């Protein structure tokens, strides 16, 4: 009986190591994010203004302080100086 048990025990112990690993696909690469600056904030700094970030109940917004001391919302400045052509 012992003559049968030893080979059987060896087979039961070693055979699982010979099996193939499950075919696991590599996870997809992370999506690249596009880092695009706020055009209104870029315009503010291009004309010599300084930005300050503000927060209210609706979210975050930027105030542009121009070299002449005028302060206004950066998008209001952008729209004022870049009117929509109709």
Protein backbone atom coordinates (compact mmCIF):
# COMPACT_ATOMS: atom_id res chain seq x y z
CA UNK A 1 0.00 0.00 0.00
CA UNK A 2 2.84 2.38 0.85
CA UNK A 3 4.33 1.70 -2.59
CA UNK A 4 1.21 3.17 -4.17
CA UNK A 5 0.81 6.07 -1.77
CA UNK A 6 4.22 7.67 -2.33
CA UNK A 7 3.92 8.05 -6.15
CA UNK A 8 0.31 9.12 -5.78
CA UNK A 9 1.24 11.72 -3.17
CA UNK A 10 4.08 13.00 -5.38
CA UNK A 11 1.76 13.27 -8.39
CA UNK A 12 -0.91 15.10 -6.43
CA UNK A 13 1.70 17.50 -5.04
CA UNK A 14 3.63 18.18 -8.28
CA UNK A 15 0.96 18.19 -10.99
CA UNK A 16 -0.73 21.47 -10.00
CA UNK A 17 2.62 23.20 -10.54
CA UNK A 18 2.62 22.02 -14.16
CA UNK A 19 -0.70 23.55 -15.03
CA UNK A 20 -0.89 26.74 -17.06
CA UNK A 21 -1.57 29.98 -15.29
CA UNK A 22 -4.86 31.63 -16.22
CA UNK A 23 -4.55 33.94 -19.19
CA UNK A 24 -4.85 37.37 -17.64
CA UNK A 25 -4.90 40.34 -19.93
CA UNK A 26 -2.86 43.34 -18.96
CA UNK A 27 -5.00 46.20 -17.63
CA UNK A 28 -5.58 48.97 -20.15
CA UNK A 29 -3.17 51.89 -19.90
CA UNK A 30 -4.48 54.91 -18.01
CA UNK A 31 -6.23 57.48 -20.15
CA UNK A 32 -4.17 60.51 -20.93
CA UNK A 33 -5.65 63.71 -19.62
CA UNK A 34 -5.41 66.89 -21.56
CA UNK A 35 -4.11 69.74 -19.49
CA UNK A 36 -5.60 72.82 -21.06
CA UNK A 37 -5.30 76.21 -19.41
CA UNK A 38 -8.32 78.45 -18.91
CA UNK A 39 -8.22 80.86 -21.90
CA UNK A 40 -9.60 83.73 -19.81
CA UNK A 41 -6.85 83.33 -17.22
CA UNK A 42 -4.19 83.08 -19.93
CA UNK A 43 -5.49 86.28 -21.52
CA UNK A 44 -5.42 88.07 -18.16
CA UNK A 45 -1.75 87.28 -17.63
CA UNK A 46 -0.87 88.08 -21.27
CA UNK A 47 -2.11 91.66 -20.85
CA UNK A 48 -0.21 92.12 -17.59
CA UNK A 49 -2.95 91.27 -15.10
CA UNK A 50 -2.64 89.20 -11.96
CA UNK A 51 -5.04 86.42 -11.03
CA UNK A 52 -6.60 85.56 -7.72
CA UNK A 53 -8.76 82.47 -7.25
CA UNK A 54 -12.06 82.94 -5.45
CA UNK A 55 -14.73 80.49 -4.35
CA UNK A 56 -18.47 80.91 -3.85
CA UNK A 57 -21.54 78.66 -3.65
CA UNK A 58 -21.47 78.04 -7.42
CA UNK A 59 -17.80 77.02 -7.47
CA UNK A 60 -14.44 78.56 -8.19
CA UNK A 61 -13.72 81.62 -10.33
CA UNK A 62 -10.81 83.96 -11.06
CA UNK A 63 -10.52 87.69 -10.56
CA UNK A 64 -8.12 89.51 -12.86
CA UNK A 65 -6.54 92.68 -11.52
CA UNK A 66 -5.26 94.78 -14.42
CA UNK A 67 -2.21 97.07 -14.25
CA UNK A 68 -4.53 100.13 -14.08
CA UNK A 69 -6.10 98.74 -10.86
CA UNK A 70 -9.36 97.54 -12.44
CA UNK A 71 -10.51 94.16 -11.06
CA UNK A 72 -13.06 91.96 -12.78
CA UNK A 73 -13.95 88.35 -13.40
CA UNK A 74 -11.45 86.87 -15.85
CA UNK A 75 -14.22 85.56 -18.14
CA UNK A 76 -15.97 88.94 -18.12
CA UNK A 77 -12.69 90.54 -19.19
CA UNK A 78 -12.17 87.94 -21.91
CA UNK A 79 -15.69 88.38 -23.28
CA UNK A 80 -15.42 92.17 -23.11
CA UNK A 81 -12.22 92.19 -25.15
CA UNK A 82 -13.23 89.32 -27.47
CA UNK A 83 -16.84 89.98 -28.52
CA UNK A 84 -18.59 87.29 -30.53
CA UNK A 85 -18.68 88.17 -34.23
CA UNK A 86 -22.15 87.68 -35.78
